[in-house]
Amino acid sequence: MQSFLEFERPVAELEQRIAELRQSAAGDSVDIDSEVARLEAKSDELLQRTYATLTPWQKTQVARHPARPHFRNYVEHAFDEFLPLGGDRAYGDDQAILGGLARLGDRRVVLIGHEKGHDTASRIKHNFGMGKPEGYRKAIRLMELAGRFGLPVVTLVDTSGAFPGIEAEERGQAEAIARATEACLALPVPMVAVIVGEGGSGGAVALASAERVLMMEHAVYSVISPEGCASILWRTADKAADAAEAMQVSAQQLAQLGVIDRIVPEPLGGAHRDPGKTAETLALAIGEELDGLAKLASKDLLRMREERFLTLAG
């Protein structure tokens, strides 16, 4: 069953009318095709108008949609022969950050990304995509593996931020994030990062310090969540929409600022409406970026990453 966001209510009402019309005509000889076609066309037009004018806060809601595709969905639809590799060889295996060897078309890659989960059990298992130190240390291990074997690195970023719990701090969360960022910057092979949902704070930057950074059309990328920003500035999370606008979190705004390089289009109504098509489009975009980077020497890749990172830090 399709889950609708608050601003999609008019579309939801139309689709409900279509469903009721079909149900009432089930088993009857009444011809409802023309009326259904009219309502579907009206629904598509309304959906297109709605998504053409989304505010940054509405885009944040789309990026958090419960049915939005995550790491495992992209592995299933965009990559082949995925071989997961687990553990940081120091503490344990973090399920919020997954990675391993994969094939993208005819190219071998090292694939790393956040996994949020889709239901209560899987979200708890994957800690809602909030990585712990052992997750970032696993990512470092995989990046070092990629460097040794000359494999490009692809990262799929989707996290509200690194896990802020006491146990994460005890195991060196800040140090692990810093070293993961350092590992990105030191890679001698091409790296493409994609913000596929939320890109939050240092937990996202640690996997997104690449020479080419892409964003899905309705993804968001920011130093803090809009609610967190609003709570600091106005002492209330109720002003999250204002914070999202001021922070310029959308892909379109960030492309204009030069923070990202490319926007990957999503199906009408968001990636959750057609995960398969979304993954196919993303795979093509990543392949094109890797084709361009394959022509560059390691020193040029390192320089590109350093310049991007210093620009963001400045």
Protein backbone atom coordinates (compact mmCIF):
# COMPACT_ATOMS: atom_id res chain seq x y z
CA MET A 1 0.00 0.00 0.00
CA GLN A 2 1.34 3.41 -1.00
CA SER A 3 2.28 5.66 1.91
CA PHE A 4 1.56 9.35 1.27
CA LEU A 5 3.23 12.36 2.82
CA GLU A 6 1.19 15.25 4.23
CA PHE A 7 1.74 17.51 1.22
CA GLU A 8 0.61 14.67 -1.08
CA ARG A 9 -2.89 14.56 0.41
CA PRO A 10 -4.69 15.85 -2.74
CA VAL A 11 -2.93 13.15 -4.78
CA ALA A 12 -3.86 10.54 -2.17
CA GLU A 13 -7.51 11.55 -2.37
CA LEU A 14 -7.51 11.17 -6.15
CA GLU A 15 -5.87 7.75 -6.01
CA GLN A 16 -8.37 6.70 -3.36
CA ARG A 17 -11.20 7.68 -5.66
CA ILE A 18 -9.65 5.62 -8.47
CA ALA A 19 -9.32 2.60 -6.17
CA GLU A 20 -12.93 2.95 -4.98
CA LEU A 21 -14.18 3.28 -8.56
CA ARG A 22 -12.40 0.09 -9.61
CA GLN A 23 -13.66 -1.77 -6.56
CA SER A 24 -17.27 -0.71 -7.09
CA ALA A 25 -17.14 -1.80 -10.74
CA ALA A 26 -15.51 -5.16 -10.01
CA GLY A 27 -17.60 -7.96 -11.52
CA ASP A 28 -19.96 -5.52 -13.26
CA SER A 29 -20.19 -4.84 -16.96
CA VAL A 30 -20.00 -1.07 -16.41
CA ASP A 31 -17.29 0.57 -18.51
CA ILE A 32 -15.18 2.74 -16.20
CA ASP A 33 -12.02 2.87 -18.30
CA SER A 34 -12.52 6.40 -19.58
CA GLU A 35 -13.27 7.78 -16.11
CA VAL A 36 -10.31 5.96 -14.57
CA ALA A 37 -8.04 7.25 -17.34
CA ARG A 38 -9.27 10.79 -16.72
CA LEU A 39 -8.63 10.56 -12.99
CA GLU A 40 -5.21 8.95 -13.49
CA ALA A 41 -4.18 11.72 -15.87
CA LYS A 42 -5.37 14.30 -13.34
CA SER A 43 -3.44 12.52 -10.57
CA ASP A 44 -0.24 12.43 -12.63
CA GLU A 45 -0.58 16.12 -13.49
CA LEU A 46 -1.15 17.04 -9.85
CA LEU A 47 1.79 14.90 -8.74
CA GLN A 48 4.04 16.54 -11.32
CA ARG A 49 3.03 20.04 -10.23
CA THR A 50 3.52 19.13 -6.58
CA TYR A 51 7.00 17.68 -7.04
CA ALA A 52 8.11 20.52 -9.32
CA THR A 53 7.69 23.00 -6.48
CA LEU A 54 8.83 21.09 -3.39
CA THR A 55 10.31 23.18 -0.58
CA PRO A 56 13.57 22.06 1.09
CA TRP A 57 11.54 20.79 4.06
CA GLN A 58 9.24 18.77 1.80
CA LYS A 59 12.31 17.31 0.09
CA THR A 60 13.58 16.32 3.53
CA GLN A 61 10.34 14.44 4.09
CA VAL A 62 10.70 12.67 0.74
CA ALA A 63 14.32 11.75 1.59
CA ARG A 64 13.01 10.15 4.79
CA HIS A 65 10.06 8.36 3.19
CA PRO A 66 9.68 4.93 4.86
CA ALA A 67 9.59 3.16 1.49
CA ARG A 68 12.55 5.00 -0.01
CA PRO A 69 15.16 2.56 -1.40
CA HIS A 70 18.25 1.98 0.73
CA PHE A 71 21.62 0.29 0.30
CA ARG A 72 20.27 -3.25 -0.05
CA ASN A 73 17.75 -2.15 -2.70
CA TYR A 74 20.51 -0.60 -4.80
CA VAL A 75 22.66 -3.71 -4.36
CA GLU A 76 19.76 -5.78 -5.67
CA HIS A 77 18.86 -3.61 -8.66
CA ALA A 78 22.04 -1.74 -9.65
CA PHE A 79 24.96 -4.05 -8.82
CA ASP A 80 25.85 -7.67 -9.48
CA GLU A 81 27.86 -10.31 -7.63
CA PHE A 82 27.88 -8.41 -4.34
CA LEU A 83 30.18 -10.12 -1.83
CA PRO A 84 29.72 -8.55 1.62
CA LEU A 85 32.76 -8.16 3.85
CA GLY A 86 32.19 -7.61 7.55
CA GLY A 87 33.98 -6.52 10.69
CA ASP A 88 36.62 -3.93 11.53
CA ARG A 89 39.08 -6.53 12.92
CA ALA A 90 39.11 -4.61 16.19
CA TYR A 91 35.68 -4.72 17.85
CA GLY A 92 32.82 -6.07 15.74
CA ASP A 93 30.62 -5.73 12.68
CA ASP A 94 28.40 -2.66 12.45
CA GLN A 95 25.18 -3.34 10.52
CA ALA A 96 24.51 0.37 9.89
CA ILE A 97 27.40 0.54 7.41
CA LEU A 98 27.63 -2.30 4.89
CA GLY A 99 30.20 -2.95 2.22
CA GLY A 100 32.00 -5.41 0.05
CA LEU A 101 33.03 -6.28 -3.48
CA ALA A 102 30.55 -5.82 -6.32
CA ARG A 103 30.25 -5.52 -10.07
CA LEU A 104 28.77 -2.49 -11.82
CA GLY A 105 28.30 -3.52 -15.43
CA ASP A 106 31.67 -4.92 -16.45
CA ARG A 107 33.56 -3.03 -13.75
CA ARG A 108 34.65 -4.41 -10.37
CA VAL A 109 34.16 -1.95 -7.52
CA VAL A 110 34.29 -1.73 -3.74
CA LEU A 111 30.81 -0.72 -2.58
CA ILE A 112 30.15 0.88 0.82
CA GLY A 113 27.00 2.48 2.20
CA HIS A 114 24.54 3.12 5.00
CA GLU A 115 21.58 0.80 5.48
CA LYS A 116 18.56 2.11 7.42
CA GLY A 117 16.19 -0.85 7.18
CA HIS A 118 12.52 -0.85 6.14
CA ASP A 119 10.55 -2.20 9.09
CA THR A 120 10.88 -2.03 12.84
CA ALA A 121 13.05 -5.13 13.18
CA SER A 122 15.45 -4.23 10.36
CA ARG A 123 15.68 -0.60 11.44
CA ILE A 124 16.71 -1.68 14.90
CA LYS A 125 19.18 -4.18 13.45
CA HIS A 126 20.76 -1.50 11.25
CA ASN A 127 20.52 1.18 13.96
CA PHE A 128 18.50 3.41 11.60
CA GLY A 129 21.60 3.91 9.44
CA MET A 130 23.57 5.62 12.21
CA GLY A 131 27.09 4.22 11.99
CA LYS A 132 29.21 3.33 15.00
CA PRO A 133 33.03 3.50 15.17
CA GLU A 134 33.39 -0.10 14.04
CA GLY A 135 31.30 0.74 10.96
CA TYR A 136 33.60 3.57 9.91
CA ARG A 137 36.65 1.42 10.66
CA LYS A 138 35.15 -1.29 8.44
CA ALA A 139 34.79 1.35 5.70
CA ILE A 140 38.46 2.29 6.16
CA ARG A 141 39.46 -1.37 5.81
CA LEU A 142 37.48 -1.67 2.59
CA MET A 143 38.96 1.53 1.17
CA GLU A 144 42.47 0.29 1.91
CA LEU A 145 41.56 -2.98 0.18
CA ALA A 146 40.37 -1.02 -2.85
CA GLY A 147 43.62 0.91 -2.96
CA ARG A 148 45.74 -2.25 -2.84
CA PHE A 149 43.86 -3.95 -5.67
CA GLY A 150 43.20 -0.87 -7.80
CA LEU A 151 39.41 -1.02 -7.51
CA PRO A 152 37.28 2.14 -7.67
CA VAL A 153 35.17 2.95 -4.62
CA VAL A 154 31.45 3.73 -4.71
CA THR A 155 29.68 4.94 -1.57
CA LEU A 156 25.92 5.30 -1.02
CA VAL A 157 25.30 7.78 1.77
CA ASP A 158 22.02 7.69 3.69
CA THR A 159 22.24 8.64 7.35
CA SER A 160 20.87 11.28 9.68
CA GLY A 161 24.32 11.25 11.31
CA ALA A 162 26.75 9.00 13.12
CA PHE A 163 25.43 7.26 16.24
CA PRO A 164 25.76 9.64 19.24
CA GLY A 165 25.44 7.03 22.00
CA ILE A 166 27.80 6.74 24.97
CA GLU A 167 29.20 3.39 23.80
CA ALA A 168 30.12 4.92 20.43
CA GLU A 169 31.95 7.75 22.15
CA GLU A 170 33.74 5.26 24.38
CA ARG A 171 35.01 3.41 21.30
CA GLY A 172 36.28 6.57 19.61
CA GLN A 173 33.49 7.80 17.34
CA ALA A 174 35.07 11.14 16.46
CA GLU A 175 38.43 9.54 15.75
CA ALA A 176 36.85 6.88 13.55
CA ILE A 177 34.95 9.49 11.51
CA ALA A 178 38.10 11.58 11.10
CA ARG A 179 40.14 8.59 9.95
CA ALA A 180 37.41 7.50 7.52
CA THR A 181 37.45 10.98 6.01
CA GLU A 182 41.24 10.78 5.82
CA ALA A 183 41.02 7.39 4.12
CA CYS A 184 38.72 8.87 1.46
CA LEU A 185 41.14 11.70 0.79
CA ALA A 186 44.11 9.33 0.55
CA LEU A 187 42.57 6.84 -1.91
CA PRO A 188 44.79 6.27 -4.96
CA VAL A 189 41.78 5.03 -6.97
CA PRO A 190 38.63 6.78 -8.29
CA MET A 191 35.84 7.40 -5.78
CA VAL A 192 32.23 8.35 -6.46
CA ALA A 193 29.89 9.18 -3.58
CA VAL A 194 26.11 9.42 -3.89
CA ILE A 195 23.76 10.98 -1.36
CA VAL A 196 20.78 8.69 -1.91
CA GLY A 197 18.60 9.84 1.00
CA GLU A 198 19.80 11.86 3.96
CA GLY A 199 23.37 13.09 4.20
CA GLY A 200 23.76 14.20 7.78
CA SER A 201 26.79 15.75 9.47
CA GLY A 202 30.21 14.08 9.79
CA GLY A 203 28.60 10.66 9.58
CA ALA A 204 27.90 11.43 5.91
CA VAL A 205 31.12 13.33 5.11
CA ALA A 206 33.17 10.34 6.29
CA LEU A 207 31.87 8.37 3.29
CA ALA A 208 31.35 11.29 0.90
CA SER A 209 34.78 12.95 0.63
CA ALA A 210 35.12 11.89 -2.99
CA GLU A 211 36.23 13.67 -6.14
CA ARG A 212 32.73 13.27 -7.59
CA VAL A 213 29.69 13.71 -5.34
CA LEU A 214 26.23 12.99 -6.73
CA MET A 215 22.82 13.50 -5.14
CA MET A 216 19.48 11.95 -5.89
CA GLU A 217 16.93 14.54 -6.99
CA HIS A 218 15.04 14.53 -3.69
CA ALA A 219 17.91 13.78 -1.31
CA VAL A 220 19.17 16.26 1.31
CA TYR A 221 22.67 16.99 2.59
CA SER A 222 23.45 19.16 5.61
CA VAL A 223 25.66 19.65 8.65
CA ILE A 224 22.72 19.08 11.01
CA SER A 225 19.08 18.08 10.66
CA PRO A 226 16.55 20.88 10.15
CA GLU A 227 14.95 19.96 13.49
CA GLY A 228 18.33 20.15 15.23
CA CYS A 229 19.11 23.50 13.67
CA ALA A 230 15.69 24.89 14.62
CA SER A 231 16.09 23.65 18.20
CA ILE A 232 19.39 25.52 18.50
CA LEU A 233 18.33 28.77 16.81
CA TRP A 234 14.68 29.06 17.88
CA ARG A 235 14.52 26.62 20.81
CA THR A 236 11.81 24.65 19.02
CA ALA A 237 11.77 21.97 16.34
CA ASP A 238 8.51 23.45 15.00
CA LYS A 239 10.56 25.80 12.83
CA ALA A 240 12.28 22.94 10.99
CA ALA A 241 10.82 24.11 7.66
CA ASP A 242 12.40 27.55 8.12
CA ALA A 243 15.70 25.95 9.08
CA ALA A 244 15.68 23.69 6.00
CA GLU A 245 15.14 26.72 3.76
CA ALA A 246 17.95 28.69 5.41
CA MET A 247 20.38 25.75 5.38
CA GLN A 248 19.89 25.08 1.64
CA VAL A 249 19.77 21.31 2.03
CA SER A 250 18.33 20.30 -1.34
CA ALA A 251 20.28 18.88 -4.27
CA GLN A 252 19.29 21.81 -6.48
CA GLN A 253 20.55 24.38 -3.97
CA LEU A 254 23.77 22.48 -3.29
CA ALA A 255 24.49 22.10 -7.00
CA GLN A 256 24.29 25.88 -7.38
CA LEU A 257 26.70 26.28 -4.46
CA GLY A 258 29.14 23.81 -6.01
CA VAL A 259 28.90 21.39 -3.09
CA ILE A 260 27.82 18.52 -5.37
CA ASP A 261 28.61 17.74 -9.00
CA ARG A 262 25.51 16.08 -10.39
CA ILE A 263 21.83 15.52 -9.65
CA VAL A 264 20.45 12.08 -10.46
CA PRO A 265 16.78 12.27 -11.50
CA GLU A 266 14.14 10.24 -9.68
CA PRO A 267 10.84 8.85 -10.98
CA LEU A 268 7.87 11.19 -10.71
CA GLY A 269 6.78 11.20 -7.08
CA GLY A 270 10.15 10.12 -5.67
CA ALA A 271 12.45 7.10 -5.68
CA HIS A 272 10.06 5.10 -3.48
CA ARG A 273 7.49 4.92 -6.30
CA ASP A 274 9.84 2.91 -8.54
CA PRO A 275 13.00 1.65 -6.78
CA GLY A 276 14.01 -0.49 -9.76
CA LYS A 277 13.99 2.40 -12.22
CA THR A 278 15.75 4.61 -9.67
CA ALA A 279 18.55 2.08 -9.25
CA GLU A 280 18.90 1.69 -13.02
CA THR A 281 19.25 5.46 -13.47
CA LEU A 282 21.76 5.67 -10.64
CA ALA A 283 23.86 2.82 -12.03
CA LEU A 284 24.15 4.62 -15.37
CA ALA A 285 25.19 7.87 -13.66
CA ILE A 286 27.84 6.17 -11.52
CA GLY A 287 29.17 4.29 -14.55
CA GLU A 288 29.52 7.52 -16.51
CA GLU A 289 31.38 9.20 -13.64
CA LEU A 290 33.75 6.26 -13.23
CA ASP A 291 34.44 6.25 -16.97
CA GLY A 292 35.54 9.88 -16.74
CA LEU A 293 37.66 9.35 -13.62
CA ALA A 294 39.40 6.27 -15.06
CA LYS A 295 41.35 8.57 -17.37
CA LEU A 296 42.91 10.50 -14.48
CA ALA A 297 46.15 9.76 -12.65
CA SER A 298 46.15 9.13 -8.90
CA LYS A 299 47.75 12.52 -8.20
CA ASP A 300 44.90 14.26 -10.04
CA LEU A 301 42.26 12.32 -8.09
CA LEU A 302 43.95 13.23 -4.80
CA ARG A 303 44.15 16.89 -5.80
CA MET A 304 40.46 16.99 -6.76
CA ARG A 305 39.43 15.49 -3.44
CA GLU A 306 41.65 17.82 -1.46
CA GLU A 307 40.38 20.91 -3.25
CA ARG A 308 36.76 19.90 -2.71
CA PHE A 309 37.32 19.14 0.96
CA LEU A 310 39.17 22.41 1.63
CA THR A 311 36.45 24.36 -0.17
CA LEU A 312 33.78 22.81 2.05
CA ALA A 313 35.86 23.22 5.19
CA GLY A 314 36.58 26.87 4.34
